[in-house]
């Protein structure tokens, strides 16, 4: 007779553990979904930043060429002025 309460207690404990395992499975799925979402967002952000970086490099290149041309024009004008003087 003493076995019956022990058996019920063990069955209750098994049920509690099974419920905890199910909660852990759900938690794991939620965490995996969150991780996948973060990875997708990170990939999108990296792509956007790479595009922005390329645009900035192109802009900087055009600006540098413009400065070189302006500098060349200034030197030519100064040479003309010095040549006349």
C-alpha atoms as a PDB file:
ATOM      1  CA  UNK A   1       0.000   0.000   0.000  1.00  0.00           C
ATOM      2  CA  UNK A   2       2.899   2.342   0.636  1.00  0.00           C
ATOM      3  CA  UNK A   3       3.833   2.008  -3.030  1.00  0.00           C
ATOM      4  CA  UNK A   4       0.671   3.723  -4.289  1.00  0.00           C
ATOM      5  CA  UNK A   5       1.408   7.252  -2.910  1.00  0.00           C
ATOM      6  CA  UNK A   6       5.018   6.953  -4.096  1.00  0.00           C
ATOM      7  CA  UNK A   7       3.838   5.944  -7.568  1.00  0.00           C
ATOM      8  CA  UNK A   8       1.384   8.864  -7.726  1.00  0.00           C
ATOM      9  CA  UNK A   9       4.106  11.246  -6.555  1.00  0.00           C
ATOM     10  CA  UNK A  10       6.499   9.915  -9.194  1.00  0.00           C
ATOM     11  CA  UNK A  11       3.853  10.192 -11.919  1.00  0.00           C
ATOM     12  CA  UNK A  12       3.131  13.768 -10.849  1.00  0.00           C
ATOM     13  CA  UNK A  13       6.850  14.545 -10.924  1.00  0.00           C
ATOM     14  CA  UNK A  14       7.131  12.993 -14.393  1.00  0.00           C
ATOM     15  CA  UNK A  15       4.231  15.150 -15.584  1.00  0.00           C
ATOM     16  CA  UNK A  16       5.893  18.268 -14.150  1.00  0.00           C
ATOM     17  CA  UNK A  17       9.181  17.419 -15.849  1.00  0.00           C
ATOM     18  CA  UNK A  18       7.446  16.702 -19.165  1.00  0.00           C
ATOM     19  CA  UNK A  19       5.734  20.099 -18.923  1.00  0.00           C
ATOM     20  CA  UNK A  20       9.065  21.781 -18.223  1.00  0.00           C
ATOM     21  CA  UNK A  21      10.625  20.014 -21.202  1.00  0.00           C
ATOM     22  CA  UNK A  22       7.781  21.271 -23.408  1.00  0.00           C
ATOM     23  CA  UNK A  23       8.306  24.821 -22.105  1.00  0.00           C
ATOM     24  CA  UNK A  24      12.009  24.502 -22.881  1.00  0.00           C
ATOM     25  CA  UNK A  25      11.201  23.352 -26.425  1.00  0.00           C
ATOM     26  CA  UNK A  26       8.926  26.351 -26.928  1.00  0.00           C
ATOM     27  CA  UNK A  27      11.540  28.678 -25.465  1.00  0.00           C
ATOM     28  CA  UNK A  28      14.175  27.214 -27.766  1.00  0.00           C
ATOM     29  CA  UNK A  29      11.952  27.731 -30.815  1.00  0.00           C
ATOM     30  CA  UNK A  30      11.281  31.325 -29.777  1.00  0.00           C
ATOM     31  CA  UNK A  31      14.988  31.968 -29.265  1.00  0.00           C
ATOM     32  CA  UNK A  32      15.880  30.383 -32.608  1.00  0.00           C
ATOM     33  CA  UNK A  33      13.256  32.510 -34.364  1.00  0.00           C
ATOM     34  CA  UNK A  34      14.614  35.629 -32.670  1.00  0.00           C
ATOM     35  CA  UNK A  35      18.154  34.680 -33.642  1.00  0.00           C
ATOM     36  CA  UNK A  36      17.124  34.164 -37.274  1.00  0.00           C
ATOM     37  CA  UNK A  37      15.340  37.532 -37.266  1.00  0.00           C
ATOM     38  CA  UNK A  38      18.394  39.288 -35.811  1.00  0.00           C
ATOM     39  CA  UNK A  39      20.649  37.630 -38.412  1.00  0.00           C
ATOM     40  CA  UNK A  40      18.346  38.738 -41.255  1.00  0.00           C
ATOM     41  CA  UNK A  41      18.250  42.298 -39.892  1.00  0.00           C
ATOM     42  CA  UNK A  42      22.025  42.292 -39.493  1.00  0.00           C
ATOM     43  CA  UNK A  43      22.452  41.113 -43.076  1.00  0.00           C
ATOM     44  CA  UNK A  44      20.152  43.865 -44.301  1.00  0.00           C
ATOM     45  CA  UNK A  45      21.998  46.474 -42.277  1.00  0.00           C
ATOM     46  CA  UNK A  46      25.382  45.293 -43.530  1.00  0.00           C
ATOM     47  CA  UNK A  47      24.131  45.451 -47.134  1.00  0.00           C
ATOM     48  CA  UNK A  48      22.762  48.956 -46.630  1.00  0.00           C
ATOM     49  CA  UNK A  49      25.999  50.138 -45.034  1.00  0.00           C
ATOM     50  CA  UNK A  50      28.065  48.606 -47.846  1.00  0.00           C
ATOM     51  CA  UNK A  51      25.947  50.442 -50.440  1.00  0.00           C
ATOM     52  CA  UNK A  52      26.265  53.684 -48.493  1.00  0.00           C
ATOM     53  CA  UNK A  53      30.026  53.171 -48.213  1.00  0.00           C
ATOM     54  CA  UNK A  54      30.335  52.677 -51.989  1.00  0.00           C
ATOM     55  CA  UNK A  55      28.322  55.851 -52.605  1.00  0.00           C
ATOM     56  CA  UNK A  56      30.522  57.810 -50.212  1.00  0.00           C
ATOM     57  CA  UNK A  57      33.689  56.477 -51.855  1.00  0.00           C
ATOM     58  CA  UNK A  58      32.377  57.483 -55.276  1.00  0.00           C
ATOM     59  CA  UNK A  59      31.439  60.922 -53.962  1.00  0.00           C
ATOM     60  CA  UNK A  60      34.865  61.341 -52.366  1.00  0.00           C
ATOM     61  CA  UNK A  61      36.551  60.279 -55.591  1.00  0.00           C
ATOM     62  CA  UNK A  62      34.565  62.811 -57.639  1.00  0.00           C
ATOM     63  CA  UNK A  63      35.283  65.514 -55.072  1.00  0.00           C
ATOM     64  CA  UNK A  64      39.027  64.729 -55.102  1.00  0.00           C
ATOM     65  CA  UNK A  65      39.091  64.884 -58.925  1.00  0.00           C
ATOM     66  CA  UNK A  66      37.245  68.197 -58.810  1.00  0.00           C
ATOM     67  CA  UNK A  67      39.760  69.579 -56.317  1.00  0.00           C
ATOM     68  CA  UNK A  68      42.662  68.441 -58.507  1.00  0.00           C
ATOM     69  CA  UNK A  69      41.107  70.126 -61.536  1.00  0.00           C
ATOM     70  CA  UNK A  70      40.522  73.347 -59.607  1.00  0.00           C
ATOM     71  CA  UNK A  71      44.067  73.233 -58.276  1.00  0.00           C
ATOM     72  CA  UNK A  72      45.377  72.718 -61.820  1.00  0.00           C
ATOM     73  CA  UNK A  73      43.333  75.726 -63.016  1.00  0.00           C
ATOM     74  CA  UNK A  74      44.696  77.884 -60.190  1.00  0.00           C
ATOM     75  CA  UNK A  75      48.276  76.887 -61.029  1.00  0.00           C
ATOM     76  CA  UNK A  76      47.686  77.651 -64.725  1.00  0.00           C
ATOM     77  CA  UNK A  77      46.185  81.066 -63.894  1.00  0.00           C
ATOM     78  CA  UNK A  78      49.053  81.851 -61.536  1.00  0.00           C
ATOM     79  CA  UNK A  79      51.532  80.846 -64.262  1.00  0.00           C
ATOM     80  CA  UNK A  80      49.804  83.144 -66.739  1.00  0.00           C
ATOM     81  CA  UNK A  81      49.831  86.025 -64.248  1.00  0.00           C
ATOM     82  CA  UNK A  82      53.509  85.441 -63.422  1.00  0.00           C
ATOM     83  CA  UNK A  83      54.361  85.135 -67.114  1.00  0.00           C
ATOM     84  CA  UNK A  84      52.746  88.520 -67.882  1.00  0.00           C
ATOM     85  CA  UNK A  85      54.473  90.245 -65.002  1.00  0.00           C
END
